[in-house]
Amino acid sequence: RFVVKLPLKNHPSVLPDTKGITYERFKTIE
């Protein structure tokens, strides 16, 4: 199988903490 790296423009350290948002969205699914 092919193994790929995500083609990123910037270093991922610029990404915010999305843990809280993801949890709220998951509770909506539940």
Full PDB file with SEQRES, HELIX, SHEET, SSBOND, CRYST1, ORIGX, SCALE, CONECT and MASTER records, all heavy atoms in Angstrom:
SEQRES   1 A   30  ARG PHE VAL VAL LYS LEU PRO LEU LYS ASN HIS PRO SER          
SEQRES   2 A   30  VAL LEU PRO ASP THR LYS GLY ILE THR TYR GLU ARG PHE          
SEQRES   3 A   30  LYS THR ILE GLU                                              
HELIX    1 AA1 PRO A   12  VAL A   14  5                                   3    
HELIX    2 AA2 LYS A   19  ILE A   29  1                                  11    
CRYST1    1.000    1.000    1.000  90.00  90.00  90.00 P 1           1          
ORIGX1      1.000000  0.000000  0.000000        0.00000                         
ORIGX2      0.000000  1.000000  0.000000        0.00000                         
ORIGX3      0.000000  0.000000  1.000000        0.00000                         
SCALE1      1.000000  0.000000  0.000000        0.00000                         
SCALE2      0.000000  1.000000  0.000000        0.00000                         
SCALE3      0.000000  0.000000  1.000000        0.00000                         
ATOM      1  N   ARG A   1       0.824  -1.205   0.000  1.00  0.00           N  
ATOM      2  CA  ARG A   1       0.000   0.000   0.000  1.00  0.00           C  
ATOM      3  C   ARG A   1       0.861   1.260   0.000  1.00  0.00           C  
ATOM      4  O   ARG A   1       1.983   1.265   0.513  1.00  0.00           O  
ATOM      5  CB  ARG A   1      -0.930   0.026   1.216  1.00  0.00           C  
ATOM      6  CG  ARG A   1      -1.928  -1.119   1.252  1.00  0.00           C  
ATOM      7  CD  ARG A   1      -2.798  -1.011   2.505  1.00  0.00           C  
ATOM      8  NE  ARG A   1      -3.606  -2.204   2.683  1.00  0.00           N  
ATOM      9  CZ  ARG A   1      -4.830  -2.372   2.180  1.00  0.00           C  
ATOM     10  NH1 ARG A   1      -5.368  -1.402   1.451  1.00  0.00           N  
ATOM     11  NH2 ARG A   1      -5.492  -3.487   2.387  1.00  0.00           N  
ATOM     12  N   PHE A   2       0.309   2.319  -0.556  1.00  0.00           N  
ATOM     13  CA  PHE A   2       1.003   3.604  -0.538  1.00  0.00           C  
ATOM     14  C   PHE A   2       0.987   4.195   0.862  1.00  0.00           C  
ATOM     15  O   PHE A   2       0.009   4.046   1.613  1.00  0.00           O  
ATOM     16  CB  PHE A   2       0.338   4.578  -1.510  1.00  0.00           C  
ATOM     17  CG  PHE A   2       0.674   4.330  -2.950  1.00  0.00           C  
ATOM     18  CD1 PHE A   2      -0.186   3.607  -3.762  1.00  0.00           C  
ATOM     19  CD2 PHE A   2       1.857   4.819  -3.498  1.00  0.00           C  
ATOM     20  CE1 PHE A   2       0.124   3.362  -5.086  1.00  0.00           C  
ATOM     21  CE2 PHE A   2       2.172   4.581  -4.826  1.00  0.00           C  
ATOM     22  CZ  PHE A   2       1.304   3.857  -5.625  1.00  0.00           C  
ATOM     23  N   VAL A   3       2.060   4.886   1.214  1.00  0.00           N  
ATOM     24  CA  VAL A   3       2.160   5.642   2.459  1.00  0.00           C  
ATOM     25  C   VAL A   3       2.468   7.082   2.075  1.00  0.00           C  
ATOM     26  O   VAL A   3       3.445   7.346   1.370  1.00  0.00           O  
ATOM     27  CB  VAL A   3       3.277   5.096   3.380  1.00  0.00           C  
ATOM     28  CG1 VAL A   3       3.317   5.889   4.680  1.00  0.00           C  
ATOM     29  CG2 VAL A   3       3.065   3.603   3.654  1.00  0.00           C  
ATOM     30  N   VAL A   4       1.617   8.015   2.516  1.00  0.00           N  
ATOM     31  CA  VAL A   4       1.779   9.420   2.127  1.00  0.00           C  
ATOM     32  C   VAL A   4       1.914  10.292   3.364  1.00  0.00           C  
ATOM     33  O   VAL A   4       1.443   9.954   4.447  1.00  0.00           O  
ATOM     34  CB  VAL A   4       0.575   9.907   1.288  1.00  0.00           C  
ATOM     35  CG1 VAL A   4       0.447   9.106   0.008  1.00  0.00           C  
ATOM     36  CG2 VAL A   4      -0.733   9.838   2.088  1.00  0.00           C  
ATOM     37  N   LYS A   5       2.562  11.429   3.189  1.00  0.00           N  
ATOM     38  CA  LYS A   5       2.581  12.458   4.218  1.00  0.00           C  
ATOM     39  C   LYS A   5       1.586  13.546   3.822  1.00  0.00           C  
ATOM     40  O   LYS A   5       1.384  13.809   2.636  1.00  0.00           O  
ATOM     41  CB  LYS A   5       3.977  13.069   4.372  1.00  0.00           C  
ATOM     42  CG  LYS A   5       4.917  12.223   5.232  1.00  0.00           C  
ATOM     43  CD  LYS A   5       6.224  12.938   5.530  1.00  0.00           C  
ATOM     44  CE  LYS A   5       6.053  14.136   6.440  1.00  0.00           C  
ATOM     45  NZ  LYS A   5       5.645  13.746   7.826  1.00  0.00           N  
ATOM     46  N   LEU A   6       0.975  14.173   4.818  1.00  0.00           N  
ATOM     47  CA  LEU A   6       0.038  15.246   4.536  1.00  0.00           C  
ATOM     48  C   LEU A   6       0.804  16.437   3.954  1.00  0.00           C  
ATOM     49  O   LEU A   6       1.803  16.885   4.549  1.00  0.00           O  
ATOM     50  CB  LEU A   6      -0.700  15.671   5.814  1.00  0.00           C  
ATOM     51  CG  LEU A   6      -1.515  14.575   6.518  1.00  0.00           C  
ATOM     52  CD1 LEU A   6      -2.197  15.140   7.766  1.00  0.00           C  
ATOM     53  CD2 LEU A   6      -2.551  13.971   5.576  1.00  0.00           C  
ATOM     54  N   PRO A   7       0.377  16.962   2.807  1.00  0.00           N  
ATOM     55  CA  PRO A   7       1.101  18.073   2.180  1.00  0.00           C  
ATOM     56  C   PRO A   7       0.733  19.408   2.832  1.00  0.00           C  
ATOM     57  O   PRO A   7      -0.253  20.049   2.479  1.00  0.00           O  
ATOM     58  CB  PRO A   7       0.624  18.018   0.724  1.00  0.00           C  
ATOM     59  CG  PRO A   7      -0.752  17.436   0.795  1.00  0.00           C  
ATOM     60  CD  PRO A   7      -0.757  16.502   1.973  1.00  0.00           C  
ATOM     61  N   LEU A   8       1.524  19.818   3.812  1.00  0.00           N  
ATOM     62  CA  LEU A   8       1.216  21.014   4.603  1.00  0.00           C  
ATOM     63  C   LEU A   8       1.997  22.226   4.106  1.00  0.00           C  
ATOM     64  O   LEU A   8       3.183  22.134   3.780  1.00  0.00           O  
ATOM     65  CB  LEU A   8       1.539  20.761   6.070  1.00  0.00           C  
ATOM     66  CG  LEU A   8       0.825  19.570   6.732  1.00  0.00           C  
ATOM     67  CD1 LEU A   8       1.251  19.441   8.187  1.00  0.00           C  
ATOM     68  CD2 LEU A   8      -0.688  19.700   6.612  1.00  0.00           C  
ATOM     69  N   LYS A   9       1.325  23.371   4.087  1.00  0.00           N  
ATOM     70  CA  LYS A   9       1.969  24.639   3.713  1.00  0.00           C  
ATOM     71  C   LYS A   9       2.780  25.188   4.883  1.00  0.00           C  
ATOM     72  O   LYS A   9       3.812  25.827   4.690  1.00  0.00           O  
ATOM     73  CB  LYS A   9       0.916  25.688   3.325  1.00  0.00           C  
ATOM     74  CG  LYS A   9      -0.038  25.305   2.230  1.00  0.00           C  
ATOM     75  CD  LYS A   9      -1.071  26.434   2.064  1.00  0.00           C  
ATOM     76  CE  LYS A   9      -2.169  26.046   1.102  1.00  0.00           C  
ATOM     77  NZ  LYS A   9      -3.201  27.116   0.996  1.00  0.00           N  
ATOM     78  N   ASN A  10       2.250  24.996   6.097  1.00  0.00           N  
ATOM     79  CA  ASN A  10       2.874  25.550   7.298  1.00  0.00           C  
ATOM     80  C   ASN A  10       3.120  24.448   8.324  1.00  0.00           C  
ATOM     81  O   ASN A  10       2.514  23.381   8.248  1.00  0.00           O  
ATOM     82  CB  ASN A  10       1.969  26.625   7.934  1.00  0.00           C  
ATOM     83  CG  ASN A  10       1.539  27.690   6.946  1.00  0.00           C  
ATOM     84  OD1 ASN A  10       0.368  27.731   6.550  1.00  0.00           O  
ATOM     85  ND2 ASN A  10       2.460  28.529   6.536  1.00  0.00           N  
ATOM     86  N   HIS A  11       3.966  24.747   9.283  1.00  0.00           N  
ATOM     87  CA  HIS A  11       4.215  23.779  10.351  1.00  0.00           C  
ATOM     88  C   HIS A  11       2.951  23.624  11.191  1.00  0.00           C  
ATOM     89  O   HIS A  11       2.280  24.622  11.504  1.00  0.00           O  
ATOM     90  CB  HIS A  11       5.383  24.243  11.234  1.00  0.00           C  
ATOM     91  CG  HIS A  11       5.884  23.171  12.143  1.00  0.00           C  
ATOM     92  ND1 HIS A  11       5.314  22.933  13.384  1.00  0.00           N  
ATOM     93  CD2 HIS A  11       6.876  22.249  11.994  1.00  0.00           C  
ATOM     94  CE1 HIS A  11       5.941  21.917  13.959  1.00  0.00           C  
ATOM     95  NE2 HIS A  11       6.899  21.492  13.143  1.00  0.00           N  
ATOM     96  N   PRO A  12       2.574  22.404  11.560  1.00  0.00           N  
ATOM     97  CA  PRO A  12       1.325  22.195  12.302  1.00  0.00           C  
ATOM     98  C   PRO A  12       1.290  22.821  13.688  1.00  0.00           C  
ATOM     99  O   PRO A  12       0.232  22.825  14.330  1.00  0.00           O  
ATOM    100  CB  PRO A  12       1.206  20.672  12.378  1.00  0.00           C  
ATOM    101  CG  PRO A  12       2.577  20.147  12.121  1.00  0.00           C  
ATOM    102  CD  PRO A  12       3.231  21.132  11.207  1.00  0.00           C  
ATOM    103  N   SER A  13       2.395  23.363  14.156  1.00  0.00           N  
ATOM    104  CA  SER A  13       2.399  24.043  15.459  1.00  0.00           C  
ATOM    105  C   SER A  13       1.487  25.262  15.462  1.00  0.00           C  
ATOM    106  O   SER A  13       1.110  25.762  16.532  1.00  0.00           O  
ATOM    107  CB  SER A  13       3.825  24.456  15.835  1.00  0.00           C  
ATOM    108  OG  SER A  13       4.369  25.319  14.845  1.00  0.00           O  
ATOM    109  N   VAL A  14       1.092  25.758  14.272  1.00  0.00           N  
ATOM    110  CA  VAL A  14       0.200  26.923  14.194  1.00  0.00           C  
ATOM    111  C   VAL A  14      -1.257  26.530  14.454  1.00  0.00           C  
ATOM    112  O   VAL A  14      -2.117  27.401  14.608  1.00  0.00           O  
ATOM    113  CB  VAL A  14       0.297  27.619  12.818  1.00  0.00           C  
ATOM    114  CG1 VAL A  14       1.737  28.021  12.524  1.00  0.00           C  
ATOM    115  CG2 VAL A  14      -0.242  26.726  11.690  1.00  0.00           C  
ATOM    116  N   LEU A  15      -1.544  25.232  14.512  1.00  0.00           N  
ATOM    117  CA  LEU A  15      -2.928  24.788  14.689  1.00  0.00           C  
ATOM    118  C   LEU A  15      -3.405  25.038  16.115  1.00  0.00           C  
ATOM    119  O   LEU A  15      -2.650  24.840  17.079  1.00  0.00           O  
ATOM    120  CB  LEU A  15      -3.048  23.292  14.366  1.00  0.00           C  
ATOM    121  CG  LEU A  15      -2.837  22.906  12.898  1.00  0.00           C  
ATOM    122  CD1 LEU A  15      -2.782  21.383  12.751  1.00  0.00           C  
ATOM    123  CD2 LEU A  15      -3.957  23.478  12.029  1.00  0.00           C  
ATOM    124  N   PRO A  16      -4.662  25.472  16.279  1.00  0.00           N  
ATOM    125  CA  PRO A  16      -5.208  25.717  17.620  1.00  0.00           C  
ATOM    126  C   PRO A  16      -5.627  24.420  18.291  1.00  0.00           C  
ATOM    127  O   PRO A  16      -5.682  23.358  17.658  1.00  0.00           O  
ATOM    128  CB  PRO A  16      -6.435  26.586  17.327  1.00  0.00           C  
ATOM    129  CG  PRO A  16      -6.895  26.112  15.987  1.00  0.00           C  
ATOM    130  CD  PRO A  16      -5.642  25.774  15.216  1.00  0.00           C  
ATOM    131  N   ASP A  17      -5.949  24.504  19.565  1.00  0.00           N  
ATOM    132  CA  ASP A  17      -6.460  23.353  20.312  1.00  0.00           C  
ATOM    133  C   ASP A  17      -7.949  23.194  19.978  1.00  0.00           C  
ATOM    134  O   ASP A  17      -8.775  24.013  20.379  1.00  0.00           O  
ATOM    135  CB  ASP A  17      -6.265  23.581  21.814  1.00  0.00           C  
ATOM    136  CG  ASP A  17      -6.765  22.409  22.651  1.00  0.00           C  
ATOM    137  OD1 ASP A  17      -7.221  21.413  22.055  1.00  0.00           O  
ATOM    138  OD2 ASP A  17      -6.715  22.503  23.891  1.00  0.00           O  
ATOM    139  N   THR A  18      -8.293  22.149  19.248  1.00  0.00           N  
ATOM    140  CA  THR A  18      -9.690  21.939  18.842  1.00  0.00           C  
ATOM    141  C   THR A  18     -10.374  20.845  19.671  1.00  0.00           C  
ATOM    142  O   THR A  18     -11.457  20.392  19.316  1.00  0.00           O  
ATOM    143  CB  THR A  18      -9.761  21.551  17.348  1.00  0.00           C  
ATOM    144  OG1 THR A  18      -8.955  20.385  17.124  1.00  0.00           O  
ATOM    145  CG2 THR A  18      -9.277  22.685  16.473  1.00  0.00           C  
ATOM    146  N   LYS A  19      -9.750  20.472  20.760  1.00  0.00           N  
ATOM    147  CA  LYS A  19     -10.276  19.380  21.574  1.00  0.00           C  
ATOM    148  C   LYS A  19     -11.661  19.720  22.135  1.00  0.00           C  
ATOM    149  O   LYS A  19     -12.599  18.914  22.091  1.00  0.00           O  
ATOM    150  CB  LYS A  19      -9.293  19.089  22.713  1.00  0.00           C  
ATOM    151  CG  LYS A  19      -9.487  17.749  23.393  1.00  0.00           C  
ATOM    152  CD  LYS A  19      -8.325  17.527  24.376  1.00  0.00           C  
ATOM    153  CE  LYS A  19      -8.497  16.207  25.116  1.00  0.00           C  
ATOM    154  NZ  LYS A  19      -7.389  16.002  26.081  1.00  0.00           N  
ATOM    155  N   GLY A  20     -11.812  20.941  22.648  1.00  0.00           N  
ATOM    156  CA  GLY A  20     -13.081  21.357  23.227  1.00  0.00           C  
ATOM    157  C   GLY A  20     -14.193  21.433  22.195  1.00  0.00           C  
ATOM    158  O   GLY A  20     -15.326  20.982  22.435  1.00  0.00           O  
ATOM    159  N   ILE A  21     -13.898  22.028  21.040  1.00  0.00           N  
ATOM    160  CA  ILE A  21     -14.891  22.140  19.972  1.00  0.00           C  
ATOM    161  C   ILE A  21     -15.323  20.750  19.516  1.00  0.00           C  
ATOM    162  O   ILE A  21     -16.515  20.485  19.302  1.00  0.00           O  
ATOM    163  CB  ILE A  21     -14.312  22.931  18.775  1.00  0.00           C  
ATOM    164  CG1 ILE A  21     -13.951  24.342  19.188  1.00  0.00           C  
ATOM    165  CG2 ILE A  21     -15.289  22.952  17.604  1.00  0.00           C  
ATOM    166  CD1 ILE A  21     -13.222  25.133  18.112  1.00  0.00           C  
ATOM    167  N   THR A  22     -14.362  19.860  19.365  1.00  0.00           N  
ATOM    168  CA  THR A  22     -14.656  18.508  18.901  1.00  0.00           C  
ATOM    169  C   THR A  22     -15.550  17.771  19.891  1.00  0.00           C  
ATOM    170  O   THR A  22     -16.479  17.045  19.496  1.00  0.00           O  
ATOM    171  CB  THR A  22     -13.346  17.725  18.676  1.00  0.00           C  
ATOM    172  OG1 THR A  22     -12.561  18.414  17.695  1.00  0.00           O  
ATOM    173  CG2 THR A  22     -13.629  16.316  18.184  1.00  0.00           C  
ATOM    174  N   TYR A  23     -15.307  17.978  21.192  1.00  0.00           N  
ATOM    175  CA  TYR A  23     -16.129  17.330  22.212  1.00  0.00           C  
ATOM    176  C   TYR A  23     -17.567  17.839  22.167  1.00  0.00           C  
ATOM    177  O   TYR A  23     -18.528  17.057  22.265  1.00  0.00           O  
ATOM    178  CB  TYR A  23     -15.530  17.549  23.600  1.00  0.00           C  
ATOM    179  CG  TYR A  23     -16.328  16.899  24.707  1.00  0.00           C  
ATOM    180  CD1 TYR A  23     -16.629  15.540  24.669  1.00  0.00           C  
ATOM    181  CD2 TYR A  23     -16.799  17.645  25.777  1.00  0.00           C  
ATOM    182  CE1 TYR A  23     -17.377  14.935  25.675  1.00  0.00           C  
ATOM    183  CE2 TYR A  23     -17.534  17.058  26.799  1.00  0.00           C  
ATOM    184  CZ  TYR A  23     -17.821  15.707  26.734  1.00  0.00           C  
ATOM    185  OH  TYR A  23     -18.559  15.112  27.729  1.00  0.00           O  
ATOM    186  N   GLU A  24     -17.736  19.151  21.999  1.00  0.00           N  
ATOM    187  CA  GLU A  24     -19.085  19.724  21.916  1.00  0.00           C  
ATOM    188  C   GLU A  24     -19.826  19.186  20.694  1.00  0.00           C  
ATOM    189  O   GLU A  24     -21.023  18.885  20.755  1.00  0.00           O  
ATOM    190  CB  GLU A  24     -19.014  21.249  21.880  1.00  0.00           C  
ATOM    191  CG  GLU A  24     -18.559  21.899  23.166  1.00  0.00           C  
ATOM    192  CD  GLU A  24     -19.438  21.515  24.358  1.00  0.00           C  
ATOM    193  OE1 GLU A  24     -20.673  21.539  24.213  1.00  0.00           O  
ATOM    194  OE2 GLU A  24     -18.880  21.186  25.419  1.00  0.00           O  
ATOM    195  N   ARG A  25     -19.122  19.066  19.583  1.00  0.00           N  
ATOM    196  CA  ARG A  25     -19.752  18.537  18.364  1.00  0.00           C  
ATOM    197  C   ARG A  25     -20.122  17.063  18.552  1.00  0.00           C  
ATOM    198  O   ARG A  25     -21.151  16.601  18.040  1.00  0.00           O  
ATOM    199  CB  ARG A  25     -18.798  18.711  17.166  1.00  0.00           C  
ATOM    200  CG  ARG A  25     -18.499  20.166  16.802  1.00  0.00           C  
ATOM    201  CD  ARG A  25     -19.430  20.681  15.730  1.00  0.00           C  
ATOM    202  NE  ARG A  25     -19.154  20.066  14.458  1.00  0.00           N  
ATOM    203  CZ  ARG A  25     -18.314  20.562  13.538  1.00  0.00           C  
ATOM    204  NH1 ARG A  25     -17.645  21.692  13.774  1.00  0.00           N  
ATOM    205  NH2 ARG A  25     -18.151  19.954  12.383  1.00  0.00           N  
ATOM    206  N   PHE A  26     -19.275  16.330  19.275  1.00  0.00           N  
ATOM    207  CA  PHE A  26     -19.564  14.924  19.503  1.00  0.00           C  
ATOM    208  C   PHE A  26     -20.796  14.753  20.395  1.00  0.00           C  
ATOM    209  O   PHE A  26     -21.614  13.856  20.176  1.00  0.00           O  
ATOM    210  CB  PHE A  26     -18.358  14.209  20.123  1.00  0.00           C  
ATOM    211  CG  PHE A  26     -18.598  12.742  20.365  1.00  0.00           C  
ATOM    212  CD1 PHE A  26     -18.793  11.879  19.298  1.00  0.00           C  
ATOM    213  CD2 PHE A  26     -18.668  12.225  21.647  1.00  0.00           C  
ATOM    214  CE1 PHE A  26     -19.044  10.523  19.499  1.00  0.00           C  
ATOM    215  CE2 PHE A  26     -18.911  10.881  21.863  1.00  0.00           C  
ATOM    216  CZ  PHE A  26     -19.091  10.026  20.778  1.00  0.00           C  
ATOM    217  N   LYS A  27     -20.964  15.619  21.381  1.00  0.00           N  
ATOM    218  CA  LYS A  27     -22.148  15.555  22.241  1.00  0.00           C  
ATOM    219  C   LYS A  27     -23.420  15.811  21.429  1.00  0.00           C  
ATOM    220  O   LYS A  27     -24.482  15.246  21.727  1.00  0.00           O  
ATOM    221  CB  LYS A  27     -22.029  16.545  23.397  1.00  0.00           C  
ATOM    222  CG  LYS A  27     -21.007  16.120  24.459  1.00  0.00           C  
ATOM    223  CD  LYS A  27     -21.181  16.871  25.766  1.00  0.00           C  
ATOM    224  CE  LYS A  27     -20.899  18.355  25.617  1.00  0.00           C  
ATOM    225  NZ  LYS A  27     -20.975  19.059  26.921  1.00  0.00           N  
ATOM    226  N   THR A  28     -23.320  16.656  20.402  1.00  0.00           N  
ATOM    227  CA  THR A  28     -24.461  16.892  19.514  1.00  0.00           C  
ATOM    228  C   THR A  28     -24.850  15.613  18.785  1.00  0.00           C  
ATOM    229  O   THR A  28     -26.031  15.284  18.633  1.00  0.00           O  
ATOM    230  CB  THR A  28     -24.132  17.998  18.493  1.00  0.00           C  
ATOM    231  OG1 THR A  28     -23.805  19.200  19.185  1.00  0.00           O  
ATOM    232  CG2 THR A  28     -25.304  18.259  17.558  1.00  0.00           C  
ATOM    233  N   ILE A  29     -23.839  14.871  18.329  1.00  0.00           N  
ATOM    234  CA  ILE A  29     -24.088  13.587  17.664  1.00  0.00           C  
ATOM    235  C   ILE A  29     -24.773  12.614  18.628  1.00  0.00           C  
ATOM    236  O   ILE A  29     -25.735  11.920  18.259  1.00  0.00           O  
ATOM    237  CB  ILE A  29     -22.765  12.979  17.148  1.00  0.00           C  
ATOM    238  CG1 ILE A  29     -22.217  13.789  15.971  1.00  0.00           C  
ATOM    239  CG2 ILE A  29     -22.952  11.513  16.738  1.00  0.00           C  
ATOM    240  CD1 ILE A  29     -23.010  13.631  14.700  1.00  0.00           C  
ATOM    241  N   GLU A  30     -24.296  12.579  19.867  1.00  0.00           N  
ATOM    242  CA  GLU A  30     -24.886  11.667  20.846  1.00  0.00           C  
ATOM    243  C   GLU A  30     -26.346  12.011  21.124  1.00  0.00           C  
ATOM    244  O   GLU A  30     -27.175  11.117  21.341  1.00  0.00           O  
ATOM    245  CB  GLU A  30     -24.075  11.681  22.142  1.00  0.00           C  
ATOM    246  CG  GLU A  30     -22.705  11.006  22.003  1.00  0.00           C  
ATOM    247  CD  GLU A  30     -22.008  10.812  23.328  1.00  0.00           C  
ATOM    248  OE1 GLU A  30     -22.003  11.761  24.144  1.00  0.00           O  
ATOM    249  OE2 GLU A  30     -21.472   9.719  23.554  1.00  0.00           O  
TER     250      GLU A  30                                                      
MASTER        0    0    0    2    0    0    0    6  249    1    0    3          
END                                                                             
